[in-house]
């Protein structure tokens, strides 16, 4: 598990290699990643958008930006958490992902945007040499 806390919001990620969806002979490796976002602060926040930087074992970078996560823009009151699972394919047996979420503090009629870190996490399959990315 990988974890990072920014502005009292903790993001924890657990990557899982999906052997049944992968085809190493065809250069296709697939991972799921389970994310938990926990509001440890005293203010209600809403996740507005995501940014991912996905780097394969050859150093090729793909960037992904979009609204919310898995079609949602969850609101988290103090002490609440939101969990979701998504996935990514790579053409190499390993890689690394890192990113950020744009959040908003909900203060009555005002909304204040801020960024929180998604921790860098390693995507390693049993088909490549294990190494720290």
C-alpha atoms as a PDB file:
ATOM      1  CA  UNK A   1       0.000   0.000   0.000  1.00  0.00           C
ATOM      2  CA  UNK A   2       1.086   3.536  -0.767  1.00  0.00           C
ATOM      3  CA  UNK A   3      -0.147   6.553   1.172  1.00  0.00           C
ATOM      4  CA  UNK A   4       0.157  10.364   1.150  1.00  0.00           C
ATOM      5  CA  UNK A   5      -1.523  13.079   3.232  1.00  0.00           C
ATOM      6  CA  UNK A   6      -2.078  16.632   1.997  1.00  0.00           C
ATOM      7  CA  UNK A   7      -4.239  19.268   3.718  1.00  0.00           C
ATOM      8  CA  UNK A   8      -5.676  16.621   6.094  1.00  0.00           C
ATOM      9  CA  UNK A   9      -6.777  14.393   3.193  1.00  0.00           C
ATOM     10  CA  UNK A  10      -5.121  10.951   3.084  1.00  0.00           C
ATOM     11  CA  UNK A  11      -4.974   9.045  -0.201  1.00  0.00           C
ATOM     12  CA  UNK A  12      -4.072   5.354  -0.018  1.00  0.00           C
ATOM     13  CA  UNK A  13      -3.508   3.247  -3.153  1.00  0.00           C
ATOM     14  CA  UNK A  14      -3.135  -0.506  -3.576  1.00  0.00           C
ATOM     15  CA  UNK A  15      -2.162  -1.706  -7.077  1.00  0.00           C
ATOM     16  CA  UNK A  16      -3.079  -5.239  -8.185  1.00  0.00           C
ATOM     17  CA  UNK A  17      -1.689  -6.989 -11.267  1.00  0.00           C
ATOM     18  CA  UNK A  18      -4.503  -8.580 -13.307  1.00  0.00           C
ATOM     19  CA  UNK A  19      -2.993 -11.690 -14.871  1.00  0.00           C
ATOM     20  CA  UNK A  20      -6.336 -12.804 -16.353  1.00  0.00           C
ATOM     21  CA  UNK A  21      -6.647  -9.546 -18.355  1.00  0.00           C
ATOM     22  CA  UNK A  22      -2.986  -9.379 -19.348  1.00  0.00           C
ATOM     23  CA  UNK A  23      -1.349 -10.907 -22.436  1.00  0.00           C
ATOM     24  CA  UNK A  24       2.435 -10.778 -21.944  1.00  0.00           C
ATOM     25  CA  UNK A  25       3.040 -12.450 -25.331  1.00  0.00           C
ATOM     26  CA  UNK A  26       1.199  -9.539 -26.947  1.00  0.00           C
ATOM     27  CA  UNK A  27       2.846  -6.825 -24.797  1.00  0.00           C
ATOM     28  CA  UNK A  28      -0.269  -6.085 -22.720  1.00  0.00           C
ATOM     29  CA  UNK A  29      -0.060  -5.865 -18.937  1.00  0.00           C
ATOM     30  CA  UNK A  30      -3.065  -4.708 -16.905  1.00  0.00           C
ATOM     31  CA  UNK A  31      -3.373  -3.451 -13.331  1.00  0.00           C
ATOM     32  CA  UNK A  32      -6.260  -2.447 -11.118  1.00  0.00           C
ATOM     33  CA  UNK A  33      -5.655   0.098  -8.400  1.00  0.00           C
ATOM     34  CA  UNK A  34      -7.864   0.539  -5.373  1.00  0.00           C
ATOM     35  CA  UNK A  35      -7.950   4.066  -3.951  1.00  0.00           C
ATOM     36  CA  UNK A  36      -9.212   5.252  -0.569  1.00  0.00           C
ATOM     37  CA  UNK A  37      -9.597   8.999   0.063  1.00  0.00           C
ATOM     38  CA  UNK A  38     -10.118   9.870   3.733  1.00  0.00           C
ATOM     39  CA  UNK A  39     -11.057  13.352   4.967  1.00  0.00           C
ATOM     40  CA  UNK A  40      -9.217  13.730   8.271  1.00  0.00           C
ATOM     41  CA  UNK A  41      -9.872  17.476   8.415  1.00  0.00           C
ATOM     42  CA  UNK A  42     -12.643  19.581   9.934  1.00  0.00           C
ATOM     43  CA  UNK A  43     -14.161  20.900   6.691  1.00  0.00           C
ATOM     44  CA  UNK A  44     -16.337  19.279   4.041  1.00  0.00           C
ATOM     45  CA  UNK A  45     -14.529  18.801   0.724  1.00  0.00           C
ATOM     46  CA  UNK A  46     -15.463  17.698  -2.778  1.00  0.00           C
ATOM     47  CA  UNK A  47     -13.250  15.930  -5.307  1.00  0.00           C
ATOM     48  CA  UNK A  48     -13.535  17.889  -8.567  1.00  0.00           C
ATOM     49  CA  UNK A  49     -10.891  16.463 -10.932  1.00  0.00           C
ATOM     50  CA  UNK A  50      -7.978  14.064 -11.311  1.00  0.00           C
ATOM     51  CA  UNK A  51      -4.549  14.123 -12.923  1.00  0.00           C
ATOM     52  CA  UNK A  52      -2.438  11.006 -13.523  1.00  0.00           C
ATOM     53  CA  UNK A  53       1.063  10.611 -14.892  1.00  0.00           C
ATOM     54  CA  UNK A  54       1.644   7.008 -15.987  1.00  0.00           C
ATOM     55  CA  UNK A  55       5.196   5.996 -16.943  1.00  0.00           C
ATOM     56  CA  UNK A  56       6.038   2.617 -18.450  1.00  0.00           C
ATOM     57  CA  UNK A  57       9.323   0.709 -18.042  1.00  0.00           C
ATOM     58  CA  UNK A  58      10.775   2.417 -21.149  1.00  0.00           C
ATOM     59  CA  UNK A  59      10.156   5.894 -19.723  1.00  0.00           C
ATOM     60  CA  UNK A  60       7.185   6.698 -21.975  1.00  0.00           C
ATOM     61  CA  UNK A  61       4.741   9.000 -20.169  1.00  0.00           C
ATOM     62  CA  UNK A  62       0.992   9.212 -20.574  1.00  0.00           C
ATOM     63  CA  UNK A  63      -1.000  11.966 -18.846  1.00  0.00           C
ATOM     64  CA  UNK A  64      -4.670  11.611 -17.964  1.00  0.00           C
ATOM     65  CA  UNK A  65      -6.887  14.484 -16.801  1.00  0.00           C
ATOM     66  CA  UNK A  66     -10.597  14.546 -16.212  1.00  0.00           C
ATOM     67  CA  UNK A  67     -13.512  15.434 -13.976  1.00  0.00           C
ATOM     68  CA  UNK A  68     -13.995  13.389 -10.825  1.00  0.00           C
ATOM     69  CA  UNK A  69     -13.199   9.699 -10.519  1.00  0.00           C
ATOM     70  CA  UNK A  70     -15.175   6.750 -11.931  1.00  0.00           C
ATOM     71  CA  UNK A  71     -17.933   9.147 -12.996  1.00  0.00           C
ATOM     72  CA  UNK A  72     -18.332  10.707  -9.543  1.00  0.00           C
ATOM     73  CA  UNK A  73     -17.339  13.903  -7.753  1.00  0.00           C
ATOM     74  CA  UNK A  74     -17.746  12.708  -4.166  1.00  0.00           C
ATOM     75  CA  UNK A  75     -18.399  15.037  -1.232  1.00  0.00           C
ATOM     76  CA  UNK A  76     -16.565  14.043   1.960  1.00  0.00           C
ATOM     77  CA  UNK A  77     -17.625  15.418   5.317  1.00  0.00           C
ATOM     78  CA  UNK A  78     -15.071  15.367   8.151  1.00  0.00           C
ATOM     79  CA  UNK A  79     -14.187  11.771   8.980  1.00  0.00           C
ATOM     80  CA  UNK A  80     -15.732  10.333   5.805  1.00  0.00           C
ATOM     81  CA  UNK A  81     -13.941   8.366   3.112  1.00  0.00           C
ATOM     82  CA  UNK A  82     -14.566   7.398  -0.496  1.00  0.00           C
ATOM     83  CA  UNK A  83     -13.182   4.275  -2.174  1.00  0.00           C
ATOM     84  CA  UNK A  84     -13.034   3.259  -5.795  1.00  0.00           C
ATOM     85  CA  UNK A  85     -11.207   0.878  -8.104  1.00  0.00           C
ATOM     86  CA  UNK A  86      -9.944   1.710 -11.584  1.00  0.00           C
ATOM     87  CA  UNK A  87      -7.286   0.294 -13.864  1.00  0.00           C
ATOM     88  CA  UNK A  88      -4.631   0.885 -16.464  1.00  0.00           C
ATOM     89  CA  UNK A  89      -2.910  -1.163 -19.168  1.00  0.00           C
ATOM     90  CA  UNK A  90       0.775  -0.854 -20.047  1.00  0.00           C
ATOM     91  CA  UNK A  91       2.847  -2.216 -22.943  1.00  0.00           C
ATOM     92  CA  UNK A  92       5.672  -3.131 -20.511  1.00  0.00           C
ATOM     93  CA  UNK A  93       5.750  -5.477 -17.477  1.00  0.00           C
ATOM     94  CA  UNK A  94       6.274  -2.617 -15.029  1.00  0.00           C
ATOM     95  CA  UNK A  95       5.713   1.081 -14.578  1.00  0.00           C
ATOM     96  CA  UNK A  96       4.846   3.780 -12.098  1.00  0.00           C
ATOM     97  CA  UNK A  97       1.860   6.062 -11.521  1.00  0.00           C
ATOM     98  CA  UNK A  98       1.604   9.344  -9.629  1.00  0.00           C
ATOM     99  CA  UNK A  99      -0.919  12.138  -9.658  1.00  0.00           C
ATOM    100  CA  UNK A 100      -3.138  14.603  -7.860  1.00  0.00           C
ATOM    101  CA  UNK A 101      -6.753  15.432  -7.177  1.00  0.00           C
ATOM    102  CA  UNK A 102      -8.230  18.913  -7.291  1.00  0.00           C
ATOM    103  CA  UNK A 103     -10.463  19.281  -4.262  1.00  0.00           C
ATOM    104  CA  UNK A 104     -12.745  22.086  -3.089  1.00  0.00           C
ATOM    105  CA  UNK A 105     -13.461  23.111   0.472  1.00  0.00           C
ATOM    106  CA  UNK A 106     -17.144  23.803   0.806  1.00  0.00           C
ATOM    107  CA  UNK A 107     -17.572  26.857   3.045  1.00  0.00           C
ATOM    108  CA  UNK A 108     -21.201  27.886   2.785  1.00  0.00           C
ATOM    109  CA  UNK A 109     -21.495  29.807  -0.495  1.00  0.00           C
ATOM    110  CA  UNK A 110     -17.750  29.872  -1.256  1.00  0.00           C
ATOM    111  CA  UNK A 111     -15.646  27.053  -2.656  1.00  0.00           C
ATOM    112  CA  UNK A 112     -11.865  27.076  -2.266  1.00  0.00           C
ATOM    113  CA  UNK A 113      -9.880  24.797  -4.615  1.00  0.00           C
ATOM    114  CA  UNK A 114      -6.684  23.015  -3.588  1.00  0.00           C
ATOM    115  CA  UNK A 115      -4.532  20.113  -4.815  1.00  0.00           C
ATOM    116  CA  UNK A 116      -3.829  16.902  -2.932  1.00  0.00           C
ATOM    117  CA  UNK A 117      -1.139  14.378  -3.795  1.00  0.00           C
ATOM    118  CA  UNK A 118      -1.765  10.853  -4.998  1.00  0.00           C
ATOM    119  CA  UNK A 119       1.312   8.897  -3.863  1.00  0.00           C
ATOM    120  CA  UNK A 120       3.606   7.432  -6.509  1.00  0.00           C
ATOM    121  CA  UNK A 121       3.037   3.696  -6.744  1.00  0.00           C
ATOM    122  CA  UNK A 122       4.816   0.938  -8.574  1.00  0.00           C
ATOM    123  CA  UNK A 123       3.171  -1.324 -11.132  1.00  0.00           C
ATOM    124  CA  UNK A 124       5.112  -4.576 -11.173  1.00  0.00           C
ATOM    125  CA  UNK A 125       4.073  -7.814 -12.838  1.00  0.00           C
ATOM    126  CA  UNK A 126       5.654 -11.241 -12.375  1.00  0.00           C
ATOM    127  CA  UNK A 127       6.863 -10.979 -15.998  1.00  0.00           C
ATOM    128  CA  UNK A 128       9.647  -8.493 -15.395  1.00  0.00           C
ATOM    129  CA  UNK A 129      12.580  -8.060 -13.070  1.00  0.00           C
ATOM    130  CA  UNK A 130      11.425  -6.597  -9.766  1.00  0.00           C
ATOM    131  CA  UNK A 131      12.914  -3.174  -9.309  1.00  0.00           C
ATOM    132  CA  UNK A 132      12.115   0.079  -7.630  1.00  0.00           C
ATOM    133  CA  UNK A 133      10.754   2.498 -10.216  1.00  0.00           C
END
